[in-house]
Amino acid sequence: SRAIVNALATLSTFVLAWYLTPADFGLVAL
């Protein structure tokens, strides 16, 4: 399960990082 979840989490992070800005991540992190 972690192998699948890890792959999805990693892919999601990379895809979202391409389409969103650091400020977007900062807003949601806050």
PDB file of all heavy atoms in Angstrom:
ATOM      1  N   SER A   1       0.830  -1.206   0.000  1.00  0.00           N
ATOM      2  CA  SER A   1       0.000   0.000   0.000  1.00  0.00           C
ATOM      3  C   SER A   1       0.862   1.252   0.000  1.00  0.00           C
ATOM      4  O   SER A   1       0.584   2.217  -0.709  1.00  0.00           O
ATOM      5  CB  SER A   1      -0.937   0.009   1.212  1.00  0.00           C
ATOM      6  OG  SER A   1      -0.227   0.204   2.409  1.00  0.00           O
ATOM      7  N   ARG A   2       1.948   1.231   0.807  1.00  0.00           N
ATOM      8  CA  ARG A   2       2.810   2.402   0.863  1.00  0.00           C
ATOM      9  C   ARG A   2       3.536   2.626  -0.453  1.00  0.00           C
ATOM     10  O   ARG A   2       3.828   3.761  -0.830  1.00  0.00           O
ATOM     11  CB  ARG A   2       3.819   2.284   1.997  1.00  0.00           C
ATOM     12  CG  ARG A   2       3.246   2.271   3.385  1.00  0.00           C
ATOM     13  CD  ARG A   2       2.264   3.381   3.653  1.00  0.00           C
ATOM     14  NE  ARG A   2       2.808   4.722   3.488  1.00  0.00           N
ATOM     15  CZ  ARG A   2       2.123   5.824   3.707  1.00  0.00           C
ATOM     16  NH1 ARG A   2       0.854   5.756   4.078  1.00  0.00           N
ATOM     17  NH2 ARG A   2       2.685   7.010   3.563  1.00  0.00           N
ATOM     18  N   ALA A   3       3.872   1.541  -1.156  1.00  0.00           N
ATOM     19  CA  ALA A   3       4.520   1.703  -2.462  1.00  0.00           C
ATOM     20  C   ALA A   3       3.601   2.454  -3.423  1.00  0.00           C
ATOM     21  O   ALA A   3       4.023   3.369  -4.140  1.00  0.00           O
ATOM     22  CB  ALA A   3       4.897   0.336  -3.036  1.00  0.00           C
ATOM     23  N   ILE A   4       2.323   2.080  -3.407  1.00  0.00           N
ATOM     24  CA  ILE A   4       1.351   2.743  -4.287  1.00  0.00           C
ATOM     25  C   ILE A   4       1.096   4.176  -3.810  1.00  0.00           C
ATOM     26  O   ILE A   4       1.101   5.131  -4.601  1.00  0.00           O
ATOM     27  CB  ILE A   4       0.036   1.944  -4.324  1.00  0.00           C
ATOM     28  CG1 ILE A   4       0.289   0.553  -4.917  1.00  0.00           C
ATOM     29  CG2 ILE A   4      -1.025   2.690  -5.133  1.00  0.00           C
ATOM     30  CD1 ILE A   4      -0.912  -0.371  -4.845  1.00  0.00           C
ATOM     31  N   VAL A   5       0.864   4.325  -2.498  1.00  0.00           N
ATOM     32  CA  VAL A   5       0.601   5.648  -1.944  1.00  0.00           C
ATOM     33  C   VAL A   5       1.803   6.569  -2.149  1.00  0.00           C
ATOM     34  O   VAL A   5       1.657   7.749  -2.497  1.00  0.00           O
ATOM     35  CB  VAL A   5       0.253   5.538  -0.442  1.00  0.00           C
ATOM     36  CG1 VAL A   5       0.265   6.906   0.220  1.00  0.00           C
ATOM     37  CG2 VAL A   5      -1.103   4.872  -0.269  1.00  0.00           C
ATOM     38  N   ASN A   6       2.994   6.029  -1.940  1.00  0.00           N
ATOM     39  CA  ASN A   6       4.210   6.819  -2.111  1.00  0.00           C
ATOM     40  C   ASN A   6       4.358   7.297  -3.551  1.00  0.00           C
ATOM     41  O   ASN A   6       4.720   8.451  -3.810  1.00  0.00           O
ATOM     42  CB  ASN A   6       5.423   5.983  -1.703  1.00  0.00           C
ATOM     43  CG  ASN A   6       6.699   6.803  -1.669  1.00  0.00           C
ATOM     44  OD1 ASN A   6       6.668   8.003  -1.452  1.00  0.00           O
ATOM     45  ND2 ASN A   6       7.817   6.153  -1.888  1.00  0.00           N
ATOM     46  N   ALA A   7       4.094   6.386  -4.480  1.00  0.00           N
ATOM     47  CA  ALA A   7       4.192   6.760  -5.894  1.00  0.00           C
ATOM     48  C   ALA A   7       3.194   7.862  -6.231  1.00  0.00           C
ATOM     49  O   ALA A   7       3.526   8.838  -6.923  1.00  0.00           O
ATOM     50  CB  ALA A   7       3.955   5.539  -6.774  1.00  0.00           C
ATOM     51  N   LEU A   8       1.968   7.724  -5.738  1.00  0.00           N
ATOM     52  CA  LEU A   8       0.947   8.743  -6.001  1.00  0.00           C
ATOM     53  C   LEU A   8       1.291  10.066  -5.326  1.00  0.00           C
ATOM     54  O   LEU A   8       1.118  11.137  -5.919  1.00  0.00           O
ATOM     55  CB  LEU A   8      -0.420   8.250  -5.516  1.00  0.00           C
ATOM     56  CG  LEU A   8      -1.061   7.096  -6.294  1.00  0.00           C
ATOM     57  CD1 LEU A   8      -2.324   6.615  -5.602  1.00  0.00           C
ATOM     58  CD2 LEU A   8      -1.370   7.519  -7.722  1.00  0.00           C
ATOM     59  N   ALA A   9       1.782   9.994  -4.079  1.00  0.00           N
ATOM     60  CA  ALA A   9       2.137  11.220  -3.355  1.00  0.00           C
ATOM     61  C   ALA A   9       3.279  11.952  -4.039  1.00  0.00           C
ATOM     62  O   ALA A   9       3.252  13.185  -4.188  1.00  0.00           O
ATOM     63  CB  ALA A   9       2.515  10.882  -1.913  1.00  0.00           C
ATOM     64  N   THR A  10       4.281  11.202  -4.464  1.00  0.00           N
ATOM     65  CA  THR A  10       5.425  11.813  -5.139  1.00  0.00           C
ATOM     66  C   THR A  10       5.010  12.428  -6.461  1.00  0.00           C
ATOM     67  O   THR A  10       5.363  13.580  -6.773  1.00  0.00           O
ATOM     68  CB  THR A  10       6.526  10.767  -5.380  1.00  0.00           C
ATOM     69  OG1 THR A  10       6.879  10.167  -4.125  1.00  0.00           O
ATOM     70  CG2 THR A  10       7.753  11.401  -6.002  1.00  0.00           C
ATOM     71  N   LEU A  11       4.261  11.667  -7.239  1.00  0.00           N
ATOM     72  CA  LEU A  11       3.793  12.174  -8.540  1.00  0.00           C
ATOM     73  C   LEU A  11       2.906  13.397  -8.356  1.00  0.00           C
ATOM     74  O   LEU A  11       3.035  14.387  -9.091  1.00  0.00           O
ATOM     75  CB  LEU A  11       3.038  11.070  -9.278  1.00  0.00           C
ATOM     76  CG  LEU A  11       2.525  11.424 -10.689  1.00  0.00           C
ATOM     77  CD1 LEU A  11       3.681  11.818 -11.599  1.00  0.00           C
ATOM     78  CD2 LEU A  11       1.745  10.249 -11.275  1.00  0.00           C
ATOM     79  N   SER A  12       2.025  13.354  -7.347  1.00  0.00           N
ATOM     80  CA  SER A  12       1.144  14.489  -7.076  1.00  0.00           C
ATOM     81  C   SER A  12       1.943  15.736  -6.716  1.00  0.00           C
ATOM     82  O   SER A  12       1.664  16.835  -7.219  1.00  0.00           O
ATOM     83  CB  SER A  12       0.189  14.133  -5.932  1.00  0.00           C
ATOM     84  OG  SER A  12      -0.583  15.244  -5.560  1.00  0.00           O
ATOM     85  N   THR A  13       2.958  15.565  -5.850  1.00  0.00           N
ATOM     86  CA  THR A  13       3.779  16.710  -5.448  1.00  0.00           C
ATOM     87  C   THR A  13       4.474  17.332  -6.643  1.00  0.00           C
ATOM     88  O   THR A  13       4.497  18.564  -6.807  1.00  0.00           O
ATOM     89  CB  THR A  13       4.830  16.263  -4.419  1.00  0.00           C
ATOM     90  OG1 THR A  13       4.162  15.755  -3.252  1.00  0.00           O
ATOM     91  CG2 THR A  13       5.716  17.441  -4.008  1.00  0.00           C
ATOM     92  N   PHE A  14       5.047  16.504  -7.490  1.00  0.00           N
ATOM     93  CA  PHE A  14       5.769  17.019  -8.649  1.00  0.00           C
ATOM     94  C   PHE A  14       4.833  17.711  -9.637  1.00  0.00           C
ATOM     95  O   PHE A  14       5.137  18.795 -10.148  1.00  0.00           O
ATOM     96  CB  PHE A  14       6.519  15.886  -9.350  1.00  0.00           C
ATOM     97  CG  PHE A  14       7.653  15.321  -8.539  1.00  0.00           C
ATOM     98  CD1 PHE A  14       8.078  14.018  -8.718  1.00  0.00           C
ATOM     99  CD2 PHE A  14       8.291  16.102  -7.582  1.00  0.00           C
ATOM    100  CE1 PHE A  14       9.132  13.504  -7.973  1.00  0.00           C
ATOM    101  CE2 PHE A  14       9.339  15.594  -6.829  1.00  0.00           C
ATOM    102  CZ  PHE A  14       9.763  14.289  -7.025  1.00  0.00           C
ATOM    103  N   VAL A  15       3.655  17.104  -9.890  1.00  0.00           N
ATOM    104  CA  VAL A  15       2.700  17.708 -10.830  1.00  0.00           C
ATOM    105  C   VAL A  15       2.189  19.036 -10.284  1.00  0.00           C
ATOM    106  O   VAL A  15       2.144  20.051 -11.001  1.00  0.00           O
ATOM    107  CB  VAL A  15       1.527  16.743 -11.097  1.00  0.00           C
ATOM    108  CG1 VAL A  15       0.440  17.451 -11.920  1.00  0.00           C
ATOM    109  CG2 VAL A  15       2.010  15.501 -11.847  1.00  0.00           C
ATOM    110  N   LEU A  16       1.802  19.047  -9.000  1.00  0.00           N
ATOM    111  CA  LEU A  16       1.274  20.273  -8.410  1.00  0.00           C
ATOM    112  C   LEU A  16       2.330  21.372  -8.362  1.00  0.00           C
ATOM    113  O   LEU A  16       2.017  22.557  -8.535  1.00  0.00           O
ATOM    114  CB  LEU A  16       0.747  19.991  -7.002  1.00  0.00           C
ATOM    115  CG  LEU A  16      -0.480  19.067  -6.923  1.00  0.00           C
ATOM    116  CD1 LEU A  16      -0.832  18.776  -5.467  1.00  0.00           C
ATOM    117  CD2 LEU A  16      -1.672  19.671  -7.646  1.00  0.00           C
ATOM    118  N   ALA A  17       3.588  20.978  -8.139  1.00  0.00           N
ATOM    119  CA  ALA A  17       4.663  21.971  -8.103  1.00  0.00           C
ATOM    120  C   ALA A  17       4.859  22.639  -9.457  1.00  0.00           C
ATOM    121  O   ALA A  17       5.267  23.809  -9.532  1.00  0.00           O
ATOM    122  CB  ALA A  17       5.958  21.318  -7.648  1.00  0.00           C
ATOM    123  N   TRP A  18       4.588  21.924 -10.537  1.00  0.00           N
ATOM    124  CA  TRP A  18       4.716  22.514 -11.874  1.00  0.00           C
ATOM    125  C   TRP A  18       3.600  23.515 -12.161  1.00  0.00           C
ATOM    126  O   TRP A  18       3.819  24.532 -12.823  1.00  0.00           O
ATOM    127  CB  TRP A  18       4.701  21.417 -12.942  1.00  0.00           C
ATOM    128  CG  TRP A  18       6.030  20.758 -13.140  1.00  0.00           C
ATOM    129  CD1 TRP A  18       6.422  19.542 -12.699  1.00  0.00           C
ATOM    130  CD2 TRP A  18       7.171  21.310 -13.825  1.00  0.00           C
ATOM    131  NE1 TRP A  18       7.722  19.287 -13.056  1.00  0.00           N
ATOM    132  CE2 TRP A  18       8.211  20.352 -13.754  1.00  0.00           C
ATOM    133  CE3 TRP A  18       7.413  22.517 -14.484  1.00  0.00           C
ATOM    134  CZ2 TRP A  18       9.468  20.566 -14.314  1.00  0.00           C
ATOM    135  CZ3 TRP A  18       8.658  22.729 -15.045  1.00  0.00           C
ATOM    136  CH2 TRP A  18       9.669  21.766 -14.961  1.00  0.00           C
ATOM    137  N   TYR A  19       2.402  23.237 -11.649  1.00  0.00           N
ATOM    138  CA  TYR A  19       1.245  24.063 -11.990  1.00  0.00           C
ATOM    139  C   TYR A  19       0.943  25.156 -10.955  1.00  0.00           C
ATOM    140  O   TYR A  19       0.224  26.105 -11.265  1.00  0.00           O
ATOM    141  CB  TYR A  19      -0.004  23.185 -12.169  1.00  0.00           C
ATOM    142  CG  TYR A  19       0.019  22.379 -13.446  1.00  0.00           C
ATOM    143  CD1 TYR A  19       0.408  21.046 -13.430  1.00  0.00           C
ATOM    144  CD2 TYR A  19      -0.338  22.956 -14.661  1.00  0.00           C
ATOM    145  CE1 TYR A  19       0.435  20.297 -14.598  1.00  0.00           C
ATOM    146  CE2 TYR A  19      -0.312  22.211 -15.836  1.00  0.00           C
ATOM    147  CZ  TYR A  19       0.079  20.880 -15.802  1.00  0.00           C
ATOM    148  OH  TYR A  19       0.117  20.143 -16.961  1.00  0.00           O
ATOM    149  N   LEU A  20       1.457  24.998  -9.742  1.00  0.00           N
ATOM    150  CA  LEU A  20       1.185  25.975  -8.690  1.00  0.00           C
ATOM    151  C   LEU A  20       2.455  26.728  -8.316  1.00  0.00           C
ATOM    152  O   LEU A  20       3.562  26.342  -8.696  1.00  0.00           O
ATOM    153  CB  LEU A  20       0.605  25.277  -7.447  1.00  0.00           C
ATOM    154  CG  LEU A  20      -0.636  24.411  -7.659  1.00  0.00           C
ATOM    155  CD1 LEU A  20      -1.092  23.807  -6.346  1.00  0.00           C
ATOM    156  CD2 LEU A  20      -1.766  25.215  -8.305  1.00  0.00           C
ATOM    157  N   THR A  21       2.300  27.800  -7.576  1.00  0.00           N
ATOM    158  CA  THR A  21       3.437  28.638  -7.188  1.00  0.00           C
ATOM    159  C   THR A  21       3.828  28.353  -5.727  1.00  0.00           C
ATOM    160  O   THR A  21       3.034  27.788  -4.963  1.00  0.00           O
ATOM    161  CB  THR A  21       3.081  30.126  -7.318  1.00  0.00           C
ATOM    162  OG1 THR A  21       2.068  30.442  -6.344  1.00  0.00           O
ATOM    163  CG2 THR A  21       2.562  30.438  -8.724  1.00  0.00           C
ATOM    164  N   PRO A  22       5.043  28.765  -5.323  1.00  0.00           N
ATOM    165  CA  PRO A  22       5.410  28.628  -3.910  1.00  0.00           C
ATOM    166  C   PRO A  22       4.415  29.317  -2.972  1.00  0.00           C
ATOM    167  O   PRO A  22       4.144  28.820  -1.877  1.00  0.00           O
ATOM    168  CB  PRO A  22       6.789  29.284  -3.852  1.00  0.00           C
ATOM    169  CG  PRO A  22       7.364  29.091  -5.223  1.00  0.00           C
ATOM    170  CD  PRO A  22       6.183  29.212  -6.154  1.00  0.00           C
ATOM    171  N   ALA A  23       3.863  30.459  -3.404  1.00  0.00           N
ATOM    172  CA  ALA A  23       2.882  31.161  -2.569  1.00  0.00           C
ATOM    173  C   ALA A  23       1.612  30.334  -2.373  1.00  0.00           C
ATOM    174  O   ALA A  23       0.985  30.371  -1.300  1.00  0.00           O
ATOM    175  CB  ALA A  23       2.538  32.511  -3.195  1.00  0.00           C
ATOM    176  N   ASP A  24       1.203  29.582  -3.410  1.00  0.00           N
ATOM    177  CA  ASP A  24       0.042  28.696  -3.277  1.00  0.00           C
ATOM    178  C   ASP A  24       0.291  27.633  -2.218  1.00  0.00           C
ATOM    179  O   ASP A  24      -0.568  27.366  -1.367  1.00  0.00           O
ATOM    180  CB  ASP A  24      -0.275  28.021  -4.616  1.00  0.00           C
ATOM    181  CG  ASP A  24      -0.781  28.997  -5.669  1.00  0.00           C
ATOM    182  OD1 ASP A  24      -1.379  30.023  -5.283  1.00  0.00           O
ATOM    183  OD2 ASP A  24      -0.561  28.751  -6.871  1.00  0.00           O
ATOM    184  N   PHE A  25       1.463  27.007  -2.268  1.00  0.00           N
ATOM    185  CA  PHE A  25       1.811  25.994  -1.271  1.00  0.00           C
ATOM    186  C   PHE A  25       1.890  26.621   0.120  1.00  0.00           C
ATOM    187  O   PHE A  25       1.480  26.013   1.109  1.00  0.00           O
ATOM    188  CB  PHE A  25       3.139  25.328  -1.630  1.00  0.00           C
ATOM    189  CG  PHE A  25       3.019  24.218  -2.636  1.00  0.00           C
ATOM    190  CD1 PHE A  25       3.076  24.487  -3.991  1.00  0.00           C
ATOM    191  CD2 PHE A  25       2.853  22.912  -2.223  1.00  0.00           C
ATOM    192  CE1 PHE A  25       2.966  23.465  -4.924  1.00  0.00           C
ATOM    193  CE2 PHE A  25       2.740  21.880  -3.148  1.00  0.00           C
ATOM    194  CZ  PHE A  25       2.794  22.162  -4.507  1.00  0.00           C
ATOM    195  N   GLY A  26       2.434  27.821   0.195  1.00  0.00           N
ATOM    196  CA  GLY A  26       2.546  28.491   1.484  1.00  0.00           C
ATOM    197  C   GLY A  26       1.192  28.788   2.089  1.00  0.00           C
ATOM    198  O   GLY A  26       0.987  28.637   3.302  1.00  0.00           O
ATOM    199  N   LEU A  27       0.245  29.243   1.266  1.00  0.00           N
ATOM    200  CA  LEU A  27      -1.105  29.551   1.743  1.00  0.00           C
ATOM    201  C   LEU A  27      -1.759  28.322   2.370  1.00  0.00           C
ATOM    202  O   LEU A  27      -2.270  28.374   3.505  1.00  0.00           O
ATOM    203  CB  LEU A  27      -1.958  30.055   0.574  1.00  0.00           C
ATOM    204  CG  LEU A  27      -3.465  30.146   0.828  1.00  0.00           C
ATOM    205  CD1 LEU A  27      -3.767  31.202   1.877  1.00  0.00           C
ATOM    206  CD2 LEU A  27      -4.205  30.436  -0.487  1.00  0.00           C
ATOM    207  N   VAL A  28      -1.737  27.200   1.647  1.00  0.00           N
ATOM    208  CA  VAL A  28      -2.386  25.984   2.141  1.00  0.00           C
ATOM    209  C   VAL A  28      -1.616  25.410   3.333  1.00  0.00           C
ATOM    210  O   VAL A  28      -2.214  24.877   4.273  1.00  0.00           O
ATOM    211  CB  VAL A  28      -2.525  24.945   1.013  1.00  0.00           C
ATOM    212  CG1 VAL A  28      -3.159  23.656   1.526  1.00  0.00           C
ATOM    213  CG2 VAL A  28      -3.372  25.522  -0.127  1.00  0.00           C
ATOM    214  N   ALA A  29      -0.297  25.541   3.318  1.00  0.00           N
ATOM    215  CA  ALA A  29       0.501  25.062   4.451  1.00  0.00           C
ATOM    216  C   ALA A  29       0.160  25.832   5.719  1.00  0.00           C
ATOM    217  O   ALA A  29       0.110  25.266   6.817  1.00  0.00           O
ATOM    218  CB  ALA A  29       1.987  25.191   4.139  1.00  0.00           C
ATOM    219  N   LEU A  30      -0.090  27.131   5.581  1.00  0.00           N
ATOM    220  CA  LEU A  30      -0.455  27.954   6.736  1.00  0.00           C
ATOM    221  C   LEU A  30      -1.788  27.498   7.324  1.00  0.00           C
ATOM    222  O   LEU A  30      -1.923  27.313   8.540  1.00  0.00           O
ATOM    223  CB  LEU A  30      -0.537  29.420   6.305  1.00  0.00           C
ATOM    224  CG  LEU A  30      -0.746  30.461   7.405  1.00  0.00           C
ATOM    225  CD1 LEU A  30       0.394  30.408   8.419  1.00  0.00           C
ATOM    226  CD2 LEU A  30      -0.850  31.845   6.780  1.00  0.00           C
TER     227      LEU A  30
END
